[in-house]
N, C-alpha and C. Protein backbone atom coordinates (compact mmCIF):
# COMPACT_ATOMS: atom_id res chain seq x y z
N ARG A 1 2.52 -15.86 1.18
CA ARG A 1 3.90 -16.21 0.98
C ARG A 1 4.37 -15.65 -0.35
N LEU A 2 5.55 -15.10 -0.33
CA LEU A 2 6.10 -14.53 -1.54
C LEU A 2 6.79 -15.60 -2.37
N LYS A 3 6.59 -15.54 -3.66
CA LYS A 3 7.27 -16.47 -4.54
C LYS A 3 8.77 -16.22 -4.47
N ARG A 4 9.52 -17.28 -4.72
CA ARG A 4 10.98 -17.18 -4.67
C ARG A 4 11.50 -16.08 -5.60
N SER A 5 10.93 -15.97 -6.78
CA SER A 5 11.40 -14.96 -7.74
C SER A 5 11.17 -13.55 -7.20
N LEU A 6 10.05 -13.33 -6.51
CA LEU A 6 9.79 -12.01 -5.93
C LEU A 6 10.72 -11.76 -4.74
N ARG A 7 10.98 -12.78 -3.94
CA ARG A 7 11.94 -12.61 -2.85
C ARG A 7 13.31 -12.20 -3.38
N LYS A 8 13.72 -12.79 -4.49
CA LYS A 8 14.99 -12.42 -5.12
C LYS A 8 14.95 -10.97 -5.62
N THR A 9 13.83 -10.59 -6.22
CA THR A 9 13.67 -9.22 -6.71
C THR A 9 13.77 -8.22 -5.56
N ILE A 10 13.10 -8.52 -4.46
CA ILE A 10 13.12 -7.64 -3.29
C ILE A 10 14.54 -7.54 -2.73
N ALA A 11 15.20 -8.68 -2.59
CA ALA A 11 16.57 -8.68 -2.07
C ALA A 11 17.49 -7.85 -2.96
N LYS A 12 17.35 -8.01 -4.26
CA LYS A 12 18.18 -7.24 -5.20
C LYS A 12 17.88 -5.75 -5.07
N PHE A 13 16.60 -5.41 -4.97
CA PHE A 13 16.19 -4.01 -4.84
C PHE A 13 16.82 -3.39 -3.59
N ILE A 14 16.71 -4.10 -2.47
CA ILE A 14 17.21 -3.57 -1.20
C ILE A 14 18.72 -3.39 -1.21
N ARG A 15 19.43 -4.31 -1.89
CA ARG A 15 20.90 -4.23 -1.94
C ARG A 15 21.42 -3.19 -2.94
N THR A 16 20.58 -2.76 -3.86
CA THR A 16 21.03 -1.84 -4.90
C THR A 16 21.14 -0.43 -4.34
N PRO A 17 22.34 0.18 -4.49
CA PRO A 17 22.50 1.57 -4.02
C PRO A 17 21.48 2.50 -4.70
N GLY A 18 20.91 3.39 -3.91
CA GLY A 18 19.93 4.35 -4.44
C GLY A 18 18.51 3.87 -4.42
N CYS A 19 18.29 2.60 -4.06
CA CYS A 19 16.93 2.05 -4.01
C CYS A 19 16.45 2.03 -2.56
N GLU A 20 15.23 2.45 -2.36
CA GLU A 20 14.68 2.43 -1.02
C GLU A 20 13.16 2.35 -1.06
N VAL A 21 12.60 1.90 0.05
CA VAL A 21 11.15 1.88 0.24
C VAL A 21 10.85 2.85 1.36
N ARG A 22 9.85 3.69 1.13
CA ARG A 22 9.45 4.67 2.15
C ARG A 22 7.95 4.55 2.40
N ILE A 23 7.54 5.06 3.55
CA ILE A 23 6.11 5.11 3.89
C ILE A 23 5.72 6.56 4.13
N ASP A 24 4.64 6.97 3.48
CA ASP A 24 4.02 8.29 3.71
C ASP A 24 4.92 9.50 3.42
N THR A 25 5.83 9.39 2.48
CA THR A 25 6.66 10.56 2.16
C THR A 25 6.20 11.27 0.89
N ALA A 26 5.33 10.63 0.11
CA ALA A 26 4.89 11.25 -1.15
C ALA A 26 3.47 10.80 -1.46
N PHE A 27 2.60 10.93 -0.48
CA PHE A 27 1.23 10.40 -0.62
C PHE A 27 0.53 10.94 -1.87
N ARG A 28 0.48 12.24 -2.02
CA ARG A 28 -0.25 12.84 -3.14
C ARG A 28 0.38 12.43 -4.48
N GLN A 29 1.71 12.38 -4.52
CA GLN A 29 2.40 11.95 -5.75
C GLN A 29 2.01 10.52 -6.12
N VAL A 30 1.89 9.65 -5.12
CA VAL A 30 1.50 8.27 -5.38
C VAL A 30 0.09 8.24 -5.96
N MET A 31 -0.81 8.99 -5.37
CA MET A 31 -2.18 9.03 -5.90
C MET A 31 -2.20 9.55 -7.33
N GLN A 32 -1.44 10.59 -7.61
CA GLN A 32 -1.39 11.16 -8.96
C GLN A 32 -0.83 10.14 -9.95
N ALA A 33 0.19 9.41 -9.52
CA ALA A 33 0.76 8.39 -10.40
C ALA A 33 -0.24 7.26 -10.65
N CYS A 34 -0.98 6.87 -9.62
CA CYS A 34 -2.02 5.85 -9.79
C CYS A 34 -3.08 6.34 -10.77
N ALA A 35 -3.45 7.60 -10.66
CA ALA A 35 -4.49 8.17 -11.52
C ALA A 35 -4.04 8.22 -12.98
N SER A 36 -2.75 8.43 -13.20
CA SER A 36 -2.27 8.60 -14.58
C SER A 36 -1.76 7.31 -15.20
N THR A 37 -1.82 6.20 -14.48
CA THR A 37 -1.36 4.92 -15.01
C THR A 37 -2.47 4.28 -15.84
N PRO A 38 -2.20 4.03 -17.13
CA PRO A 38 -3.22 3.37 -17.97
C PRO A 38 -3.50 1.95 -17.48
N ARG A 39 -4.75 1.53 -17.54
CA ARG A 39 -5.14 0.19 -17.10
C ARG A 39 -5.92 -0.48 -18.22
N ASP A 40 -5.59 -1.73 -18.48
CA ASP A 40 -6.29 -2.49 -19.52
C ASP A 40 -7.79 -2.53 -19.25
N GLY A 41 -8.56 -2.24 -20.25
CA GLY A 41 -10.01 -2.31 -20.12
C GLY A 41 -10.65 -1.13 -19.42
N GLN A 42 -9.86 -0.12 -19.04
CA GLN A 42 -10.42 1.04 -18.36
C GLN A 42 -10.08 2.30 -19.13
N HIS A 43 -11.04 3.16 -19.19
CA HIS A 43 -10.84 4.47 -19.81
C HIS A 43 -11.03 5.52 -18.73
N GLY A 44 -9.99 6.28 -18.46
CA GLY A 44 -10.07 7.29 -17.41
C GLY A 44 -9.78 6.69 -16.05
N THR A 45 -10.09 7.45 -15.03
CA THR A 45 -9.80 7.02 -13.67
C THR A 45 -10.87 7.56 -12.72
N TRP A 46 -11.05 6.85 -11.62
CA TRP A 46 -11.96 7.32 -10.58
C TRP A 46 -11.25 8.31 -9.67
N ILE A 47 -9.91 8.42 -9.80
CA ILE A 47 -9.13 9.30 -8.93
C ILE A 47 -9.12 10.70 -9.53
N VAL A 48 -10.26 11.36 -9.41
CA VAL A 48 -10.43 12.72 -9.93
C VAL A 48 -9.97 13.72 -8.86
N ASP A 49 -9.91 15.00 -9.20
CA ASP A 49 -9.39 16.01 -8.27
C ASP A 49 -10.07 16.00 -6.91
N ASP A 50 -11.40 15.86 -6.87
CA ASP A 50 -12.10 15.85 -5.58
C ASP A 50 -11.67 14.65 -4.72
N ILE A 51 -11.49 13.51 -5.34
CA ILE A 51 -11.03 12.32 -4.62
C ILE A 51 -9.60 12.52 -4.14
N LEU A 52 -8.77 13.06 -5.01
CA LEU A 52 -7.38 13.34 -4.65
C LEU A 52 -7.31 14.27 -3.44
N ASP A 53 -8.10 15.33 -3.45
CA ASP A 53 -8.13 16.27 -2.32
C ASP A 53 -8.66 15.62 -1.05
N ALA A 54 -9.71 14.81 -1.17
CA ALA A 54 -10.31 14.17 0.01
C ALA A 54 -9.34 13.16 0.64
N TYR A 55 -8.72 12.33 -0.17
CA TYR A 55 -7.77 11.36 0.37
C TYR A 55 -6.53 12.04 0.95
N THR A 56 -6.10 13.12 0.32
CA THR A 56 -4.95 13.85 0.85
C THR A 56 -5.29 14.43 2.23
N ALA A 57 -6.49 14.95 2.37
CA ALA A 57 -6.93 15.45 3.68
C ALA A 57 -6.98 14.30 4.69
N TRP A 58 -7.47 13.16 4.25
CA TRP A 58 -7.51 11.98 5.12
C TRP A 58 -6.10 11.54 5.50
N HIS A 59 -5.17 11.67 4.56
CA HIS A 59 -3.77 11.36 4.84
C HIS A 59 -3.23 12.27 5.95
N HIS A 60 -3.56 13.56 5.86
CA HIS A 60 -3.09 14.50 6.88
C HIS A 60 -3.69 14.20 8.26
N LEU A 61 -4.82 13.51 8.28
CA LEU A 61 -5.44 13.09 9.54
C LEU A 61 -4.89 11.75 10.04
N GLY A 62 -3.97 11.16 9.26
CA GLY A 62 -3.34 9.92 9.68
C GLY A 62 -4.09 8.65 9.33
N ARG A 63 -5.02 8.71 8.41
CA ARG A 63 -5.82 7.54 8.04
C ARG A 63 -5.46 6.94 6.68
N ALA A 64 -5.01 7.74 5.75
CA ALA A 64 -4.63 7.25 4.43
C ALA A 64 -3.11 7.24 4.34
N HIS A 65 -2.57 6.20 3.71
CA HIS A 65 -1.12 5.99 3.73
C HIS A 65 -0.61 5.53 2.37
N SER A 66 0.66 5.81 2.15
CA SER A 66 1.31 5.36 0.93
C SER A 66 2.57 4.59 1.27
N VAL A 67 2.89 3.64 0.41
CA VAL A 67 4.17 2.93 0.45
C VAL A 67 4.78 3.17 -0.92
N GLU A 68 6.03 3.65 -0.91
CA GLU A 68 6.65 4.11 -2.15
C GLU A 68 7.98 3.41 -2.39
N THR A 69 8.27 3.12 -3.64
CA THR A 69 9.59 2.63 -4.02
C THR A 69 10.28 3.75 -4.80
N TRP A 70 11.54 3.96 -4.43
CA TRP A 70 12.34 5.05 -4.98
C TRP A 70 13.65 4.50 -5.53
N ILE A 71 14.07 5.04 -6.66
CA ILE A 71 15.39 4.73 -7.21
C ILE A 71 16.06 6.06 -7.53
N ASP A 72 17.21 6.27 -6.91
CA ASP A 72 17.98 7.50 -7.11
C ASP A 72 17.12 8.76 -6.95
N GLY A 73 16.29 8.74 -5.92
CA GLY A 73 15.47 9.91 -5.61
C GLY A 73 14.24 10.08 -6.48
N GLN A 74 13.95 9.12 -7.35
CA GLN A 74 12.76 9.20 -8.20
C GLN A 74 11.74 8.16 -7.76
N LEU A 75 10.49 8.59 -7.66
CA LEU A 75 9.39 7.70 -7.32
C LEU A 75 9.11 6.79 -8.51
N VAL A 76 9.28 5.47 -8.32
CA VAL A 76 9.13 4.54 -9.44
C VAL A 76 7.99 3.54 -9.24
N GLY A 77 7.40 3.52 -8.06
CA GLY A 77 6.29 2.61 -7.82
C GLY A 77 5.70 2.85 -6.45
N GLY A 78 4.52 2.31 -6.25
CA GLY A 78 3.92 2.45 -4.94
C GLY A 78 2.45 2.13 -4.93
N LEU A 79 1.88 2.36 -3.78
CA LEU A 79 0.45 2.09 -3.56
C LEU A 79 -0.04 3.01 -2.46
N TYR A 80 -1.35 3.12 -2.36
CA TYR A 80 -1.93 3.85 -1.24
C TYR A 80 -3.21 3.17 -0.82
N GLY A 81 -3.61 3.49 0.41
CA GLY A 81 -4.83 2.92 0.94
C GLY A 81 -5.18 3.56 2.27
N VAL A 82 -6.14 2.96 2.94
CA VAL A 82 -6.68 3.51 4.18
C VAL A 82 -6.54 2.47 5.29
N GLY A 83 -6.07 2.92 6.45
CA GLY A 83 -5.98 2.05 7.61
C GLY A 83 -7.01 2.46 8.65
N ILE A 84 -7.85 1.50 9.04
CA ILE A 84 -8.84 1.73 10.11
C ILE A 84 -8.73 0.56 11.07
N GLY A 85 -8.42 0.86 12.31
CA GLY A 85 -8.17 -0.22 13.27
C GLY A 85 -6.99 -1.04 12.80
N ARG A 86 -7.17 -2.33 12.74
CA ARG A 86 -6.12 -3.24 12.27
C ARG A 86 -6.48 -3.81 10.89
N MET A 87 -7.16 -2.98 10.11
CA MET A 87 -7.61 -3.34 8.77
C MET A 87 -7.02 -2.33 7.80
N PHE A 88 -6.54 -2.80 6.65
CA PHE A 88 -6.02 -1.89 5.62
C PHE A 88 -6.79 -2.13 4.34
N TYR A 89 -7.21 -1.04 3.73
CA TYR A 89 -7.96 -1.10 2.48
C TYR A 89 -7.06 -0.56 1.37
N GLY A 90 -6.58 -1.45 0.52
CA GLY A 90 -5.75 -1.03 -0.60
C GLY A 90 -6.60 -0.37 -1.66
N GLU A 91 -6.20 0.80 -2.11
CA GLU A 91 -6.99 1.53 -3.10
C GLU A 91 -6.44 1.41 -4.52
N SER A 92 -5.14 1.66 -4.68
CA SER A 92 -4.57 1.61 -6.03
C SER A 92 -3.06 1.49 -5.93
N MET A 93 -2.45 1.01 -7.01
CA MET A 93 -1.00 0.91 -7.07
C MET A 93 -0.53 1.24 -8.48
N PHE A 94 0.77 1.57 -8.59
CA PHE A 94 1.33 1.87 -9.90
C PHE A 94 2.78 1.42 -9.92
N SER A 95 3.31 1.29 -11.13
CA SER A 95 4.71 0.92 -11.30
C SER A 95 5.26 1.56 -12.56
N ARG A 96 6.39 2.22 -12.41
CA ARG A 96 7.09 2.79 -13.56
C ARG A 96 8.33 1.97 -13.91
N ARG A 97 8.66 1.02 -13.06
CA ARG A 97 9.77 0.08 -13.28
C ARG A 97 9.25 -1.31 -12.95
N ASN A 98 9.80 -2.31 -13.60
CA ASN A 98 9.38 -3.68 -13.33
C ASN A 98 9.42 -3.98 -11.84
N ASP A 99 8.34 -4.52 -11.36
CA ASP A 99 8.19 -5.02 -9.99
C ASP A 99 8.23 -3.95 -8.91
N ALA A 100 8.25 -2.66 -9.25
CA ALA A 100 8.32 -1.60 -8.24
C ALA A 100 7.09 -1.62 -7.33
N SER A 101 5.91 -1.87 -7.88
CA SER A 101 4.72 -1.91 -7.03
C SER A 101 4.70 -3.19 -6.20
N LYS A 102 5.25 -4.28 -6.74
CA LYS A 102 5.32 -5.53 -5.98
C LYS A 102 6.23 -5.37 -4.76
N VAL A 103 7.34 -4.67 -4.95
CA VAL A 103 8.25 -4.42 -3.83
C VAL A 103 7.53 -3.60 -2.76
N ALA A 104 6.77 -2.58 -3.18
CA ALA A 104 6.02 -1.75 -2.23
C ALA A 104 4.96 -2.59 -1.51
N PHE A 105 4.26 -3.44 -2.25
CA PHE A 105 3.21 -4.27 -1.65
C PHE A 105 3.81 -5.26 -0.65
N ALA A 106 4.92 -5.87 -1.00
CA ALA A 106 5.58 -6.80 -0.08
C ALA A 106 6.02 -6.07 1.18
N HIS A 107 6.52 -4.84 1.03
CA HIS A 107 6.90 -4.05 2.20
C HIS A 107 5.67 -3.74 3.06
N LEU A 108 4.57 -3.40 2.42
CA LEU A 108 3.32 -3.14 3.15
C LEU A 108 2.91 -4.38 3.94
N ILE A 109 2.96 -5.55 3.31
CA ILE A 109 2.58 -6.78 4.01
C ILE A 109 3.46 -6.99 5.23
N GLU A 110 4.75 -6.81 5.08
CA GLU A 110 5.66 -6.98 6.22
C GLU A 110 5.35 -5.97 7.33
N PHE A 111 5.13 -4.71 6.93
CA PHE A 111 4.82 -3.66 7.90
C PHE A 111 3.53 -3.99 8.66
N LEU A 112 2.49 -4.36 7.92
CA LEU A 112 1.20 -4.66 8.55
C LEU A 112 1.29 -5.90 9.43
N THR A 113 2.03 -6.89 9.00
CA THR A 113 2.22 -8.09 9.82
C THR A 113 2.93 -7.75 11.12
N ASP A 114 3.99 -6.95 11.00
CA ASP A 114 4.75 -6.55 12.19
C ASP A 114 3.89 -5.77 13.18
N HIS A 115 2.85 -5.09 12.69
CA HIS A 115 1.99 -4.27 13.54
C HIS A 115 0.62 -4.92 13.79
N HIS A 116 0.56 -6.22 13.57
CA HIS A 116 -0.59 -7.04 13.94
C HIS A 116 -1.89 -6.67 13.23
N PHE A 117 -1.77 -6.21 11.98
CA PHE A 117 -2.97 -6.03 11.17
C PHE A 117 -3.46 -7.40 10.76
N GLY A 118 -4.77 -7.54 10.60
CA GLY A 118 -5.33 -8.85 10.32
C GLY A 118 -5.70 -9.11 8.88
N MET A 119 -5.84 -8.04 8.08
CA MET A 119 -6.29 -8.27 6.71
C MET A 119 -6.07 -7.02 5.87
N ILE A 120 -5.84 -7.26 4.59
CA ILE A 120 -5.80 -6.20 3.59
C ILE A 120 -6.98 -6.46 2.66
N ASP A 121 -7.84 -5.48 2.51
CA ASP A 121 -8.94 -5.57 1.55
C ASP A 121 -8.40 -5.04 0.23
N CYS A 122 -8.17 -5.95 -0.70
CA CYS A 122 -7.67 -5.54 -2.03
C CYS A 122 -8.79 -5.09 -2.95
N GLN A 123 -10.01 -5.32 -2.57
CA GLN A 123 -11.22 -4.86 -3.24
C GLN A 123 -11.52 -5.59 -4.54
N MET A 124 -10.50 -5.93 -5.30
CA MET A 124 -10.73 -6.65 -6.56
C MET A 124 -9.77 -7.83 -6.62
N TYR A 125 -10.26 -8.95 -7.09
CA TYR A 125 -9.39 -10.10 -7.27
C TYR A 125 -8.74 -10.01 -8.65
N THR A 126 -7.43 -10.02 -8.67
CA THR A 126 -6.69 -10.02 -9.94
C THR A 126 -5.60 -11.09 -9.86
N ASP A 127 -5.12 -11.51 -11.01
CA ASP A 127 -4.01 -12.47 -11.04
C ASP A 127 -2.79 -11.88 -10.35
N HIS A 128 -2.57 -10.58 -10.54
CA HIS A 128 -1.43 -9.90 -9.93
C HIS A 128 -1.50 -10.00 -8.41
N LEU A 129 -2.66 -9.70 -7.83
CA LEU A 129 -2.81 -9.77 -6.38
C LEU A 129 -2.78 -11.22 -5.90
N ALA A 130 -3.31 -12.13 -6.69
CA ALA A 130 -3.24 -13.55 -6.32
C ALA A 130 -1.79 -14.02 -6.26
N SER A 131 -0.96 -13.50 -7.16
CA SER A 131 0.46 -13.88 -7.15
C SER A 131 1.16 -13.38 -5.90
N LEU A 132 0.56 -12.40 -5.23
CA LEU A 132 1.11 -11.85 -4.00
C LEU A 132 0.41 -12.41 -2.76
N GLY A 133 -0.48 -13.39 -2.97
CA GLY A 133 -1.14 -14.03 -1.84
C GLY A 133 -2.59 -13.64 -1.64
N GLY A 134 -3.11 -12.78 -2.47
CA GLY A 134 -4.50 -12.36 -2.35
C GLY A 134 -5.44 -13.51 -2.68
N ARG A 135 -6.55 -13.56 -1.95
CA ARG A 135 -7.56 -14.58 -2.22
C ARG A 135 -8.92 -14.05 -1.81
N GLU A 136 -9.94 -14.61 -2.43
CA GLU A 136 -11.30 -14.25 -2.06
C GLU A 136 -11.70 -15.04 -0.82
N ILE A 137 -12.54 -14.41 0.02
CA ILE A 137 -13.09 -15.10 1.17
C ILE A 137 -14.60 -14.89 1.17
N PRO A 138 -15.35 -15.79 1.79
CA PRO A 138 -16.80 -15.63 1.83
C PRO A 138 -17.19 -14.33 2.54
N ARG A 139 -18.28 -13.75 2.11
CA ARG A 139 -18.75 -12.48 2.67
C ARG A 139 -18.94 -12.56 4.18
N THR A 140 -19.51 -13.65 4.67
CA THR A 140 -19.74 -13.76 6.12
C THR A 140 -18.42 -13.72 6.89
N GLU A 141 -17.40 -14.39 6.37
CA GLU A 141 -16.08 -14.36 7.02
C GLU A 141 -15.49 -12.95 6.95
N PHE A 142 -15.63 -12.31 5.78
CA PHE A 142 -15.11 -10.95 5.63
C PHE A 142 -15.76 -10.01 6.65
N LEU A 143 -17.08 -10.05 6.77
CA LEU A 143 -17.78 -9.16 7.68
C LEU A 143 -17.40 -9.41 9.14
N ALA A 144 -17.25 -10.67 9.50
CA ALA A 144 -16.86 -10.99 10.88
C ALA A 144 -15.45 -10.47 11.17
N ARG A 145 -14.53 -10.70 10.25
CA ARG A 145 -13.16 -10.23 10.44
C ARG A 145 -13.12 -8.69 10.43
N LEU A 146 -13.87 -8.09 9.53
CA LEU A 146 -13.92 -6.64 9.43
C LEU A 146 -14.38 -6.02 10.74
N SER A 147 -15.43 -6.57 11.31
CA SER A 147 -15.96 -6.05 12.57
C SER A 147 -14.91 -6.11 13.68
N ALA A 148 -14.24 -7.22 13.80
CA ALA A 148 -13.23 -7.37 14.86
C ALA A 148 -12.02 -6.48 14.61
N LEU A 149 -11.56 -6.40 13.37
CA LEU A 149 -10.34 -5.66 13.07
C LEU A 149 -10.52 -4.15 13.12
N THR A 150 -11.67 -3.66 12.71
CA THR A 150 -11.87 -2.20 12.77
C THR A 150 -12.14 -1.73 14.18
N ALA A 151 -12.53 -2.64 15.07
CA ALA A 151 -12.75 -2.27 16.47
C ALA A 151 -11.43 -2.16 17.22
N SER A 152 -10.37 -2.74 16.65
CA SER A 152 -9.05 -2.68 17.29
C SER A 152 -8.44 -1.31 17.08
N GLY A 153 -7.74 -0.84 18.06
CA GLY A 153 -7.11 0.47 17.96
C GLY A 153 -5.90 0.44 17.04
N SER A 154 -5.66 1.55 16.38
CA SER A 154 -4.48 1.71 15.53
C SER A 154 -4.03 3.16 15.63
N PRO A 155 -3.09 3.44 16.52
CA PRO A 155 -2.67 4.83 16.69
C PRO A 155 -2.03 5.41 15.44
N ARG A 156 -2.26 6.66 15.22
CA ARG A 156 -1.73 7.35 14.05
C ARG A 156 -0.22 7.21 13.95
N THR A 157 0.47 7.22 15.09
CA THR A 157 1.93 7.18 15.08
C THR A 157 2.47 5.84 14.60
N LEU A 158 1.62 4.83 14.54
CA LEU A 158 2.03 3.52 14.06
C LEU A 158 2.70 3.63 12.69
N TRP A 159 2.25 4.54 11.86
CA TRP A 159 2.73 4.63 10.49
C TRP A 159 4.04 5.37 10.36
N SER A 160 4.51 5.98 11.41
CA SER A 160 5.78 6.68 11.33
C SER A 160 6.91 5.66 11.23
N THR A 161 7.79 5.83 10.26
CA THR A 161 8.95 4.95 10.14
C THR A 161 10.23 5.68 10.51
N ASP A 162 10.10 6.89 10.96
CA ASP A 162 11.26 7.69 11.35
C ASP A 162 11.64 7.33 12.78
N PRO A 163 12.83 6.70 12.98
CA PRO A 163 13.20 6.29 14.34
C PRO A 163 13.41 7.48 15.29
N LEU A 164 13.55 8.68 14.76
CA LEU A 164 13.73 9.87 15.60
C LEU A 164 12.40 10.56 15.93
N ASP A 165 11.31 10.04 15.38
CA ASP A 165 9.99 10.62 15.63
C ASP A 165 9.64 10.41 17.11
N PRO A 166 9.47 11.50 17.88
CA PRO A 166 9.18 11.34 19.31
C PRO A 166 7.84 10.69 19.58
N ALA A 167 6.96 10.66 18.59
CA ALA A 167 5.64 10.06 18.79
C ALA A 167 5.69 8.54 18.71
N ARG A 168 6.79 7.96 18.26
CA ARG A 168 6.89 6.49 18.13
C ARG A 168 7.08 5.84 19.46
């Protein structure tokens, strides 16, 4: 459940001219922004050129996806991850404007819920993700859910948000 303050932020973002949320329109840019975002307690990034190239190739195969927030044509926040079956693995997120990554994450949650995904693996527990509803679950529960969700089909065209896309 989204906090009331975040719901207000999302509503304001959506109503503001020039603001939009997109899916899969700037995958590599999102990864590059995630790689260049400084993180407390971390020096450098795991998103090196080989990883960037591998995930971009995976994106072209329809497995890795990005959710992006844009203001006046500029990428200001977003996240990327991998979808397998009805499971999504969040890899990294960034924000160049207050709450831009939260807006992207909330959009991802809505999108995944609408398409019957069962879980997002955030990989790390943080206060930020907890504020968005993230929680730890026991390993046995995770493995059972993982097995069921990855066995479910997830067609590549699911990620298309273009209503004119003939594959939808």
